[in-house]
């Protein structure tokens, strides 16, 4: 009779241990995926910053003439268009990085 009680307790303990080990393993796998996602997304964000290619500033004229002002206005419009598009894509990349970082940090705690 005592042997049956011991075997039952051992079996229950083994099941609990296996369940906890499996749960821990699943948690570690999920954490690894989240870290990989975070690294990938934050690398894309850093790459977007490093690869910024704004239009080149024009040479400052020695004297401002009507034509020089018109050239500068054309440049300013081009620069504004580039900056607007670049900023939008950079914000998306930053949000992706921040979200992945938050998710990874929350999972770890």
PDB file of N, CA and C in Angstrom:
ATOM      1  N   UNK A   1       0.832  -1.196   0.000  1.00  0.00           N
ATOM      2  CA  UNK A   1       0.000   0.000   0.000  1.00  0.00           C
ATOM      3  C   UNK A   1       0.869   1.250   0.000  1.00  0.00           C
ATOM      4  N   UNK A   2       1.890   1.302   0.867  1.00  0.00           N
ATOM      5  CA  UNK A   2       2.773   2.462   0.919  1.00  0.00           C
ATOM      6  C   UNK A   2       3.516   2.662  -0.406  1.00  0.00           C
ATOM      7  N   UNK A   3       3.834   1.557  -1.056  1.00  0.00           N
ATOM      8  CA  UNK A   3       4.544   1.656  -2.331  1.00  0.00           C
ATOM      9  C   UNK A   3       3.653   2.322  -3.383  1.00  0.00           C
ATOM     10  N   UNK A   4       2.370   2.018  -3.401  1.00  0.00           N
ATOM     11  CA  UNK A   4       1.445   2.639  -4.352  1.00  0.00           C
ATOM     12  C   UNK A   4       1.326   4.138  -4.124  1.00  0.00           C
ATOM     13  N   UNK A   5       1.280   4.555  -2.864  1.00  0.00           N
ATOM     14  CA  UNK A   5       1.198   5.983  -2.545  1.00  0.00           C
ATOM     15  C   UNK A   5       2.459   6.678  -3.046  1.00  0.00           C
ATOM     16  N   UNK A   6       3.614   6.102  -2.807  1.00  0.00           N
ATOM     17  CA  UNK A   6       4.884   6.672  -3.258  1.00  0.00           C
ATOM     18  C   UNK A   6       4.950   6.756  -4.771  1.00  0.00           C
ATOM     19  N   UNK A   7       4.496   5.729  -5.449  1.00  0.00           N
ATOM     20  CA  UNK A   7       4.515   5.735  -6.914  1.00  0.00           C
ATOM     21  C   UNK A   7       3.584   6.813  -7.468  1.00  0.00           C
ATOM     22  N   UNK A   8       2.431   6.988  -6.845  1.00  0.00           N
ATOM     23  CA  UNK A   8       1.483   8.009  -7.277  1.00  0.00           C
ATOM     24  C   UNK A   8       2.047   9.407  -7.092  1.00  0.00           C
ATOM     25  N   UNK A   9       2.709   9.631  -5.973  1.00  0.00           N
ATOM     26  CA  UNK A   9       3.309  10.940  -5.706  1.00  0.00           C
ATOM     27  C   UNK A   9       4.458  11.191  -6.686  1.00  0.00           C
ATOM     28  N   UNK A  10       5.221  10.155  -6.968  1.00  0.00           N
ATOM     29  CA  UNK A  10       6.340  10.295  -7.912  1.00  0.00           C
ATOM     30  C   UNK A  10       5.807  10.635  -9.302  1.00  0.00           C
ATOM     31  N   UNK A  11       4.762   9.946  -9.706  1.00  0.00           N
ATOM     32  CA  UNK A  11       4.187  10.181 -11.024  1.00  0.00           C
ATOM     33  C   UNK A  11       3.647  11.608 -11.138  1.00  0.00           C
ATOM     34  N   UNK A  12       2.977  12.063 -10.085  1.00  0.00           N
ATOM     35  CA  UNK A  12       2.432  13.424 -10.092  1.00  0.00           C
ATOM     36  C   UNK A  12       3.560  14.462 -10.125  1.00  0.00           C
ATOM     37  N   UNK A  13       4.609  14.228  -9.353  1.00  0.00           N
ATOM     38  CA  UNK A  13       5.753  15.124  -9.326  1.00  0.00           C
ATOM     39  C   UNK A  13       6.452  15.145 -10.680  1.00  0.00           C
ATOM     40  N   UNK A  14       6.602  14.002 -11.302  1.00  0.00           N
ATOM     41  CA  UNK A  14       7.235  13.922 -12.619  1.00  0.00           C
ATOM     42  C   UNK A  14       6.406  14.683 -13.659  1.00  0.00           C
ATOM     43  N   UNK A  15       5.084  14.557 -13.587  1.00  0.00           N
ATOM     44  CA  UNK A  15       4.205  15.262 -14.519  1.00  0.00           C
ATOM     45  C   UNK A  15       4.321  16.769 -14.326  1.00  0.00           C
ATOM     46  N   UNK A  16       4.318  17.214 -13.062  1.00  0.00           N
ATOM     47  CA  UNK A  16       4.463  18.650 -12.788  1.00  0.00           C
ATOM     48  C   UNK A  16       5.799  19.179 -13.308  1.00  0.00           C
ATOM     49  N   UNK A  17       6.861  18.418 -13.075  1.00  0.00           N
ATOM     50  CA  UNK A  17       8.189  18.831 -13.520  1.00  0.00           C
ATOM     51  C   UNK A  17       8.244  18.916 -15.038  1.00  0.00           C
ATOM     52  N   UNK A  18       7.717  17.910 -15.703  1.00  0.00           N
ATOM     53  CA  UNK A  18       7.713  17.908 -17.168  1.00  0.00           C
ATOM     54  C   UNK A  18       6.913  19.080 -17.706  1.00  0.00           C
ATOM     55  N   UNK A  19       5.776  19.359 -17.101  1.00  0.00           N
ATOM     56  CA  UNK A  19       4.933  20.481 -17.531  1.00  0.00           C
ATOM     57  C   UNK A  19       5.665  21.808 -17.356  1.00  0.00           C
ATOM     58  N   UNK A  20       6.327  21.969 -16.205  1.00  0.00           N
ATOM     59  CA  UNK A  20       7.063  23.210 -15.965  1.00  0.00           C
ATOM     60  C   UNK A  20       8.252  23.347 -16.911  1.00  0.00           C
ATOM     61  N   UNK A  21       8.938  22.245 -17.189  1.00  0.00           N
ATOM     62  CA  UNK A  21      10.064  22.290 -18.126  1.00  0.00           C
ATOM     63  C   UNK A  21       9.584  22.656 -19.528  1.00  0.00           C
ATOM     64  N   UNK A  22       8.467  22.071 -19.932  1.00  0.00           N
ATOM     65  CA  UNK A  22       7.914  22.370 -21.250  1.00  0.00           C
ATOM     66  C   UNK A  22       7.491  23.833 -21.330  1.00  0.00           C
ATOM     67  N   UNK A  23       6.846  24.323 -20.295  1.00  0.00           N
ATOM     68  CA  UNK A  23       6.418  25.718 -20.252  1.00  0.00           C
ATOM     69  C   UNK A  23       7.630  26.648 -20.329  1.00  0.00           C
ATOM     70  N   UNK A  24       8.675  26.316 -19.603  1.00  0.00           N
ATOM     71  CA  UNK A  24       9.896  27.125 -19.618  1.00  0.00           C
ATOM     72  C   UNK A  24      10.525  27.113 -21.016  1.00  0.00           C
ATOM     73  N   UNK A  25      10.566  25.951 -21.640  1.00  0.00           N
ATOM     74  CA  UNK A  25      11.127  25.827 -22.982  1.00  0.00           C
ATOM     75  C   UNK A  25      10.329  26.680 -23.981  1.00  0.00           C
ATOM     76  N   UNK A  26       9.013  26.598 -23.912  1.00  0.00           N
ATOM     77  CA  UNK A  26       8.164  27.387 -24.810  1.00  0.00           C
ATOM     78  C   UNK A  26       8.374  28.888 -24.595  1.00  0.00           C
ATOM     79  N   UNK A  27       8.544  29.270 -23.350  1.00  0.00           N
ATOM     80  CA  UNK A  27       8.793  30.676 -23.024  1.00  0.00           C
ATOM     81  C   UNK A  27      10.122  31.129 -23.620  1.00  0.00           C
ATOM     82  N   UNK A  28      11.153  30.311 -23.499  1.00  0.00           N
ATOM     83  CA  UNK A  28      12.475  30.652 -24.039  1.00  0.00           C
ATOM     84  C   UNK A  28      12.437  30.747 -25.566  1.00  0.00           C
ATOM     85  N   UNK A  29      11.705  29.844 -26.211  1.00  0.00           N
ATOM     86  CA  UNK A  29      11.579  29.887 -27.675  1.00  0.00           C
ATOM     87  C   UNK A  29      10.880  31.177 -28.098  1.00  0.00           C
ATOM     88  N   UNK A  30       9.806  31.532 -27.409  1.00  0.00           N
ATOM     89  CA  UNK A  30       9.075  32.770 -27.723  1.00  0.00           C
ATOM     90  C   UNK A  30       9.966  33.992 -27.491  1.00  0.00           C
ATOM     91  N   UNK A  31      10.728  33.977 -26.411  1.00  0.00           N
ATOM     92  CA  UNK A  31      11.626  35.089 -26.106  1.00  0.00           C
ATOM     93  C   UNK A  31      12.690  35.226 -27.191  1.00  0.00           C
ATOM     94  N   UNK A  32      13.203  34.107 -27.676  1.00  0.00           N
ATOM     95  CA  UNK A  32      14.221  34.131 -28.728  1.00  0.00           C
ATOM     96  C   UNK A  32      13.645  34.742 -30.009  1.00  0.00           C
ATOM     97  N   UNK A  33      12.422  34.342 -30.372  1.00  0.00           N
ATOM     98  CA  UNK A  33      11.778  34.905 -31.569  1.00  0.00           C
ATOM     99  C   UNK A  33      11.566  36.413 -31.422  1.00  0.00           C
ATOM    100  N   UNK A  34      11.126  36.827 -30.237  1.00  0.00           N
ATOM    101  CA  UNK A  34      10.896  38.257 -30.002  1.00  0.00           C
ATOM    102  C   UNK A  34      12.206  39.034 -30.072  1.00  0.00           C
ATOM    103  N   UNK A  35      13.273  38.460 -29.547  1.00  0.00           N
ATOM    104  CA  UNK A  35      14.566  39.136 -29.600  1.00  0.00           C
ATOM    105  C   UNK A  35      15.034  39.258 -31.052  1.00  0.00           C
ATOM    106  N   UNK A  36      14.884  38.185 -31.826  1.00  0.00           N
ATOM    107  CA  UNK A  36      15.274  38.231 -33.237  1.00  0.00           C
ATOM    108  C   UNK A  36      14.469  39.286 -33.991  1.00  0.00           C
ATOM    109  N   UNK A  37      13.178  39.377 -33.700  1.00  0.00           N
ATOM    110  CA  UNK A  37      12.327  40.385 -34.328  1.00  0.00           C
ATOM    111  C   UNK A  37      12.777  41.787 -33.928  1.00  0.00           C
ATOM    112  N   UNK A  38      13.069  41.967 -32.647  1.00  0.00           N
ATOM    113  CA  UNK A  38      13.516  43.267 -32.158  1.00  0.00           C
ATOM    114  C   UNK A  38      14.820  43.674 -32.843  1.00  0.00           C
ATOM    115  N   UNK A  39      15.776  42.767 -32.888  1.00  0.00           N
ATOM    116  CA  UNK A  39      17.066  43.071 -33.510  1.00  0.00           C
ATOM    117  C   UNK A  39      16.878  43.416 -34.988  1.00  0.00           C
ATOM    118  N   UNK A  40      16.066  42.638 -35.679  1.00  0.00           N
ATOM    119  CA  UNK A  40      15.832  42.878 -37.103  1.00  0.00           C
ATOM    120  C   UNK A  40      15.181  44.235 -37.343  1.00  0.00           C
ATOM    121  N   UNK A  41      14.136  44.530 -36.596  1.00  0.00           N
ATOM    122  CA  UNK A  41      13.418  45.796 -36.783  1.00  0.00           C
ATOM    123  C   UNK A  41      14.261  47.002 -36.378  1.00  0.00           C
ATOM    124  N   UNK A  42      15.007  46.864 -35.298  1.00  0.00           N
ATOM    125  CA  UNK A  42      15.844  47.990 -34.869  1.00  0.00           C
ATOM    126  C   UNK A  42      17.036  48.168 -35.808  1.00  0.00           C
ATOM    127  N   UNK A  43      17.540  47.084 -36.388  1.00  0.00           N
ATOM    128  CA  UNK A  43      18.594  47.200 -37.402  1.00  0.00           C
ATOM    129  C   UNK A  43      18.071  47.948 -38.631  1.00  0.00           C
ATOM    130  N   UNK A  44      16.834  47.659 -39.037  1.00  0.00           N
ATOM    131  CA  UNK A  44      16.236  48.369 -40.177  1.00  0.00           C
ATOM    132  C   UNK A  44      16.113  49.864 -39.874  1.00  0.00           C
ATOM    133  N   UNK A  45      15.730  50.189 -38.659  1.00  0.00           N
ATOM    134  CA  UNK A  45      15.607  51.584 -38.247  1.00  0.00           C
ATOM    135  C   UNK A  45      16.972  52.278 -38.296  1.00  0.00           C
ATOM    136  N   UNK A  46      17.990  51.640 -37.704  1.00  0.00           N
ATOM    137  CA  UNK A  46      19.330  52.221 -37.709  1.00  0.00           C
ATOM    138  C   UNK A  46      19.873  52.346 -39.135  1.00  0.00           C
ATOM    139  N   UNK A  47      19.567  51.379 -39.968  1.00  0.00           N
ATOM    140  CA  UNK A  47      19.995  51.413 -41.364  1.00  0.00           C
ATOM    141  C   UNK A  47      19.342  52.576 -42.106  1.00  0.00           C
ATOM    142  N   UNK A  48      18.065  52.804 -41.827  1.00  0.00           N
ATOM    143  CA  UNK A  48      17.358  53.924 -42.464  1.00  0.00           C
ATOM    144  C   UNK A  48      17.996  55.257 -42.083  1.00  0.00           C
ATOM    145  N   UNK A  49      18.425  55.368 -40.847  1.00  0.00           N
ATOM    146  CA  UNK A  49      19.093  56.596 -40.405  1.00  0.00           C
ATOM    147  C   UNK A  49      20.438  56.737 -41.122  1.00  0.00           C
ATOM    148  N   UNK A  50      21.206  55.657 -41.142  1.00  0.00           N
ATOM    149  CA  UNK A  50      22.547  55.696 -41.727  1.00  0.00           C
ATOM    150  C   UNK A  50      22.528  55.933 -43.235  1.00  0.00           C
ATOM    151  N   UNK A  51      21.453  55.514 -43.883  1.00  0.00           N
ATOM    152  CA  UNK A  51      21.403  55.606 -45.341  1.00  0.00           C
ATOM    153  C   UNK A  51      20.599  56.805 -45.848  1.00  0.00           C
ATOM    154  N   UNK A  52      20.395  57.769 -44.992  1.00  0.00           N
ATOM    155  CA  UNK A  52      19.676  58.973 -45.422  1.00  0.00           C
ATOM    156  C   UNK A  52      20.459  59.650 -46.549  1.00  0.00           C
ATOM    157  N   UNK A  53      19.760  59.960 -47.620  1.00  0.00           N
ATOM    158  CA  UNK A  53      20.412  60.611 -48.770  1.00  0.00           C
ATOM    159  C   UNK A  53      19.607  61.837 -49.197  1.00  0.00           C
ATOM    160  N   UNK A  54      19.724  62.899 -48.413  1.00  0.00           N
ATOM    161  CA  UNK A  54      18.997  64.118 -48.789  1.00  0.00           C
ATOM    162  C   UNK A  54      19.607  64.735 -50.040  1.00  0.00           C
ATOM    163  N   UNK A  55      18.821  65.535 -50.735  1.00  0.00           N
ATOM    164  CA  UNK A  55      19.361  66.234 -51.900  1.00  0.00           C
ATOM    165  C   UNK A  55      20.521  67.144 -51.466  1.00  0.00           C
ATOM    166  N   UNK A  56      21.499  67.278 -52.336  1.00  0.00           N
ATOM    167  CA  UNK A  56      22.655  68.119 -52.024  1.00  0.00           C
ATOM    168  C   UNK A  56      22.260  69.592 -52.023  1.00  0.00           C
ATOM    169  N   UNK A  57      22.779  70.300 -51.048  1.00  0.00           N
ATOM    170  CA  UNK A  57      22.528  71.734 -50.992  1.00  0.00           C
ATOM    171  C   UNK A  57      23.225  72.416 -52.169  1.00  0.00           C
ATOM    172  N   UNK A  58      22.563  73.379 -52.747  1.00  0.00           N
ATOM    173  CA  UNK A  58      23.215  74.100 -53.847  1.00  0.00           C
ATOM    174  C   UNK A  58      24.333  75.001 -53.307  1.00  0.00           C
ATOM    175  N   UNK A  59      25.229  75.338 -54.172  1.00  0.00           N
ATOM    176  CA  UNK A  59      26.292  76.263 -53.793  1.00  0.00           C
ATOM    177  C   UNK A  59      25.684  77.643 -53.569  1.00  0.00           C
ATOM    178  N   UNK A  60      26.112  78.266 -52.505  1.00  0.00           N
ATOM    179  CA  UNK A  60      25.583  79.606 -52.204  1.00  0.00           C
ATOM    180  C   UNK A  60      26.128  80.592 -53.245  1.00  0.00           C
ATOM    181  N   UNK A  61      25.228  81.304 -53.878  1.00  0.00           N
ATOM    182  CA  UNK A  61      25.706  82.252 -54.899  1.00  0.00           C
ATOM    183  C   UNK A  61      26.418  83.443 -54.258  1.00  0.00           C
ATOM    184  N   UNK A  62      27.308  84.028 -54.996  1.00  0.00           N
ATOM    185  CA  UNK A  62      28.005  85.220 -54.478  1.00  0.00           C
ATOM    186  C   UNK A  62      27.037  86.401 -54.395  1.00  0.00           C
ATOM    187  N   UNK A  63      26.053  86.402 -55.282  1.00  0.00           N
ATOM    188  CA  UNK A  63      25.022  87.447 -55.253  1.00  0.00           C
ATOM    189  C   UNK A  63      23.680  86.796 -55.578  1.00  0.00           C
ATOM    190  N   UNK A  64      22.668  87.196 -54.821  1.00  0.00           N
ATOM    191  CA  UNK A  64      21.338  86.638 -55.051  1.00  0.00           C
ATOM    192  C   UNK A  64      20.666  87.403 -56.196  1.00  0.00           C
ATOM    193  N   UNK A  65      20.366  86.653 -57.227  1.00  0.00           N
ATOM    194  CA  UNK A  65      19.616  87.223 -58.348  1.00  0.00           C
ATOM    195  C   UNK A  65      18.273  86.512 -58.386  1.00  0.00           C
ATOM    196  N   UNK A  66      17.421  87.009 -59.244  1.00  0.00           N
ATOM    197  CA  UNK A  66      16.112  86.358 -59.392  1.00  0.00           C
ATOM    198  C   UNK A  66      16.293  84.887 -59.757  1.00  0.00           C
ATOM    199  N   UNK A  67      17.158  84.591 -60.710  1.00  0.00           N
ATOM    200  CA  UNK A  67      17.392  83.204 -61.131  1.00  0.00           C
ATOM    201  C   UNK A  67      17.942  82.346 -59.992  1.00  0.00           C
ATOM    202  N   UNK A  68      18.840  82.920 -59.195  1.00  0.00           N
ATOM    203  CA  UNK A  68      19.405  82.174 -58.065  1.00  0.00           C
ATOM    204  C   UNK A  68      18.327  81.872 -57.022  1.00  0.00           C
ATOM    205  N   UNK A  69      17.470  82.843 -56.780  1.00  0.00           N
ATOM    206  CA  UNK A  69      16.363  82.629 -55.837  1.00  0.00           C
ATOM    207  C   UNK A  69      15.440  81.530 -56.356  1.00  0.00           C
ATOM    208  N   UNK A  70      15.142  81.527 -57.641  1.00  0.00           N
ATOM    209  CA  UNK A  70      14.284  80.499 -58.235  1.00  0.00           C
ATOM    210  C   UNK A  70      14.928  79.116 -58.124  1.00  0.00           C
ATOM    211  N   UNK A  71      16.222  79.046 -58.334  1.00  0.00           N
ATOM    212  CA  UNK A  71      16.941  77.764 -58.182  1.00  0.00           C
ATOM    213  C   UNK A  71      16.842  77.271 -56.739  1.00  0.00           C
ATOM    214  N   UNK A  72      17.008  78.220 -55.812  1.00  0.00           N
ATOM    215  CA  UNK A  72      16.931  77.838 -54.398  1.00  0.00           C
ATOM    216  C   UNK A  72      15.525  77.379 -54.028  1.00  0.00           C
ATOM    217  N   UNK A  73      14.511  78.044 -54.527  1.00  0.00           N
ATOM    218  CA  UNK A  73      13.126  77.642 -54.252  1.00  0.00           C
ATOM    219  C   UNK A  73      12.866  76.250 -54.807  1.00  0.00           C
ATOM    220  N   UNK A  74      13.358  75.977 -56.002  1.00  0.00           N
ATOM    221  CA  UNK A  74      13.208  74.637 -56.578  1.00  0.00           C
ATOM    222  C   UNK A  74      13.896  73.608 -55.694  1.00  0.00           C
ATOM    223  N   UNK A  75      15.105  73.936 -55.228  1.00  0.00           N
ATOM    224  CA  UNK A  75      15.814  73.037 -54.314  1.00  0.00           C
ATOM    225  C   UNK A  75      15.008  72.839 -53.033  1.00  0.00           C
ATOM    226  N   UNK A  76      14.500  73.914 -52.471  1.00  0.00           N
ATOM    227  CA  UNK A  76      13.750  73.826 -51.217  1.00  0.00           C
ATOM    228  C   UNK A  76      12.518  72.932 -51.367  1.00  0.00           C
ATOM    229  N   UNK A  77      11.844  73.035 -52.496  1.00  0.00           N
ATOM    230  CA  UNK A  77      10.676  72.174 -52.738  1.00  0.00           C
ATOM    231  C   UNK A  77      11.100  70.715 -52.842  1.00  0.00           C
ATOM    232  N   UNK A  78      12.213  70.457 -53.529  1.00  0.00           N
ATOM    233  CA  UNK A  78      12.726  69.097 -53.646  1.00  0.00           C
ATOM    234  C   UNK A  78      13.108  68.555 -52.274  1.00  0.00           C
ATOM    235  N   UNK A  79      13.786  69.396 -51.487  1.00  0.00           N
ATOM    236  CA  UNK A  79      14.218  68.984 -50.152  1.00  0.00           C
ATOM    237  C   UNK A  79      13.013  68.704 -49.257  1.00  0.00           C
ATOM    238  N   UNK A  80      12.021  69.550 -49.327  1.00  0.00           N
ATOM    239  CA  UNK A  80      10.823  69.359 -48.504  1.00  0.00           C
ATOM    240  C   UNK A  80      10.133  68.044 -48.861  1.00  0.00           C
ATOM    241  N   UNK A  81      10.032  67.753 -50.131  1.00  0.00           N
ATOM    242  CA  UNK A  81       9.413  66.501 -50.567  1.00  0.00           C
ATOM    243  C   UNK A  81      10.202  65.308 -50.048  1.00  0.00           C
ATOM    244  N   UNK A  82      11.519  65.356 -50.200  1.00  0.00           N
ATOM    245  CA  UNK A  82      12.365  64.262 -49.706  1.00  0.00           C
ATOM    246  C   UNK A  82      12.204  64.107 -48.197  1.00  0.00           C
ATOM    247  N   UNK A  83      12.270  65.215 -47.465  1.00  0.00           N
ATOM    248  CA  UNK A  83      12.200  65.170 -46.004  1.00  0.00           C
ATOM    249  C   UNK A  83      10.858  64.610 -45.527  1.00  0.00           C
ATOM    250  N   UNK A  84       9.785  64.982 -46.201  1.00  0.00           N
ATOM    251  CA  UNK A  84       8.463  64.491 -45.811  1.00  0.00           C
ATOM    252  C   UNK A  84       8.380  62.977 -45.989  1.00  0.00           C
ATOM    253  N   UNK A  85       8.804  62.489 -47.129  1.00  0.00           N
ATOM    254  CA  UNK A  85       8.771  61.044 -47.392  1.00  0.00           C
ATOM    255  C   UNK A  85       9.732  60.289 -46.467  1.00  0.00           C
ATOM    256  N   UNK A  86      10.923  60.815 -46.303  1.00  0.00           N
ATOM    257  CA  UNK A  86      11.917  60.166 -45.450  1.00  0.00           C
ATOM    258  C   UNK A  86      11.430  60.103 -44.009  1.00  0.00           C
ATOM    259  N   UNK A  87      10.898  61.206 -43.525  1.00  0.00           N
ATOM    260  CA  UNK A  87      10.414  61.245 -42.149  1.00  0.00           C
ATOM    261  C   UNK A  87       9.291  60.234 -41.928  1.00  0.00           C
ATOM    262  N   UNK A  88       8.388  60.112 -42.879  1.00  0.00           N
ATOM    263  CA  UNK A  88       7.286  59.148 -42.738  1.00  0.00           C
ATOM    264  C   UNK A  88       7.827  57.726 -42.640  1.00  0.00           C
ATOM    265  N   UNK A  89       8.758  57.363 -43.520  1.00  0.00           N
ATOM    266  CA  UNK A  89       9.301  56.000 -43.482  1.00  0.00           C
ATOM    267  C   UNK A  89      10.151  55.785 -42.229  1.00  0.00           C
ATOM    268  N   UNK A  90      10.865  56.818 -41.789  1.00  0.00           N
ATOM    269  CA  UNK A  90      11.678  56.704 -40.582  1.00  0.00           C
ATOM    270  C   UNK A  90      10.796  56.523 -39.351  1.00  0.00           C
ATOM    271  N   UNK A  91       9.679  57.238 -39.296  1.00  0.00           N
ATOM    272  CA  UNK A  91       8.762  57.102 -38.158  1.00  0.00           C
ATOM    273  C   UNK A  91       8.183  55.691 -38.072  1.00  0.00           C
ATOM    274  N   UNK A  92       7.852  55.114 -39.209  1.00  0.00           N
ATOM    275  CA  UNK A  92       7.328  53.747 -39.220  1.00  0.00           C
ATOM    276  C   UNK A  92       8.397  52.782 -38.707  1.00  0.00           C
ATOM    277  N   UNK A  93       9.621  52.933 -39.182  1.00  0.00           N
ATOM    278  CA  UNK A  93      10.716  52.067 -38.739  1.00  0.00           C
ATOM    279  C   UNK A  93      10.970  52.233 -37.242  1.00  0.00           C
ATOM    280  N   UNK A  94      10.893  53.468 -36.748  1.00  0.00           N
ATOM    281  CA  UNK A  94      11.097  53.717 -35.314  1.00  0.00           C
ATOM    282  C   UNK A  94       9.980  53.083 -34.495  1.00  0.00           C
ATOM    283  N   UNK A  95       8.747  53.219 -34.951  1.00  0.00           N
ATOM    284  CA  UNK A  95       7.623  52.613 -34.234  1.00  0.00           C
ATOM    285  C   UNK A  95       7.763  51.092 -34.189  1.00  0.00           C
ATOM    286  N   UNK A  96       8.176  50.490 -35.304  1.00  0.00           N
ATOM    287  CA  UNK A  96       8.378  49.034 -35.338  1.00  0.00           C
ATOM    288  C   UNK A  96       9.452  48.613 -34.337  1.00  0.00           C
ATOM    289  N   UNK A  97      10.548  49.350 -34.314  1.00  0.00           N
ATOM    290  CA  UNK A  97      11.634  49.052 -33.378  1.00  0.00           C
ATOM    291  C   UNK A  97      11.151  49.207 -31.931  1.00  0.00           C
ATOM    292  N   UNK A  98      10.492  50.318 -31.643  1.00  0.00           N
ATOM    293  CA  UNK A  98      10.004  50.570 -30.279  1.00  0.00           C
ATOM    294  C   UNK A  98       9.008  49.505 -29.834  1.00  0.00           C
ATOM    295  N   UNK A  99       8.098  49.127 -30.726  1.00  0.00           N
ATOM    296  CA  UNK A  99       7.097  48.114 -30.384  1.00  0.00           C
ATOM    297  C   UNK A  99       7.757  46.759 -30.109  1.00  0.00           C
ATOM    298  N   UNK A 100       8.694  46.373 -30.952  1.00  0.00           N
ATOM    299  CA  UNK A 100       9.401  45.111 -30.751  1.00  0.00           C
ATOM    300  C   UNK A 100      10.188  45.123 -29.445  1.00  0.00           C
ATOM    301  N   UNK A 101      10.793  46.253 -29.140  1.00  0.00           N
ATOM    302  CA  UNK A 101      11.556  46.375 -27.893  1.00  0.00           C
ATOM    303  C   UNK A 101      10.635  46.252 -26.682  1.00  0.00           C
ATOM    304  N   UNK A 102       9.475  46.933 -26.748  1.00  0.00           N
ATOM    305  CA  UNK A 102       8.507  46.829 -25.640  1.00  0.00           C
ATOM    306  C   UNK A 102       8.027  45.388 -25.458  1.00  0.00           C
ATOM    307  N   UNK A 103       7.686  44.730 -26.570  1.00  0.00           N
ATOM    308  CA  UNK A 103       7.199  43.351 -26.497  1.00  0.00           C
ATOM    309  C   UNK A 103       8.248  42.427 -25.907  1.00  0.00           C
ATOM    310  N   UNK A 104       9.479  42.581 -26.345  1.00  0.00           N
ATOM    311  CA  UNK A 104      10.555  41.725 -25.837  1.00  0.00           C
ATOM    312  C   UNK A 104      10.788  41.985 -24.344  1.00  0.00           C
ATOM    313  N   UNK A 105      10.811  43.253 -23.968  1.00  0.00           N
ATOM    314  CA  UNK A 105      11.022  43.605 -22.563  1.00  0.00           C
ATOM    315  C   UNK A 105       9.886  43.080 -21.682  1.00  0.00           C
ATOM    316  N   UNK A 106       8.658  43.219 -22.146  1.00  0.00           N
ATOM    317  CA  UNK A 106       7.500  42.736 -21.366  1.00  0.00           C
ATOM    318  C   UNK A 106       7.532  41.228 -21.219  1.00  0.00           C
ATOM    319  N   UNK A 107       7.946  40.535 -22.260  1.00  0.00           N
ATOM    320  CA  UNK A 107       8.004  39.070 -22.199  1.00  0.00           C
ATOM    321  C   UNK A 107       9.062  38.600 -21.211  1.00  0.00           C
ATOM    322  N   UNK A 108      10.131  39.346 -21.132  1.00  0.00           N
ATOM    323  CA  UNK A 108      11.233  38.953 -20.245  1.00  0.00           C
ATOM    324  C   UNK A 108      10.896  39.175 -18.774  1.00  0.00           C
ATOM    325  N   UNK A 109       9.962  40.074 -18.488  1.00  0.00           N
ATOM    326  CA  UNK A 109       9.677  40.369 -17.073  1.00  0.00           C
ATOM    327  C   UNK A 109       8.579  39.505 -16.522  1.00  0.00           C
TER     328      UNK A 109
END
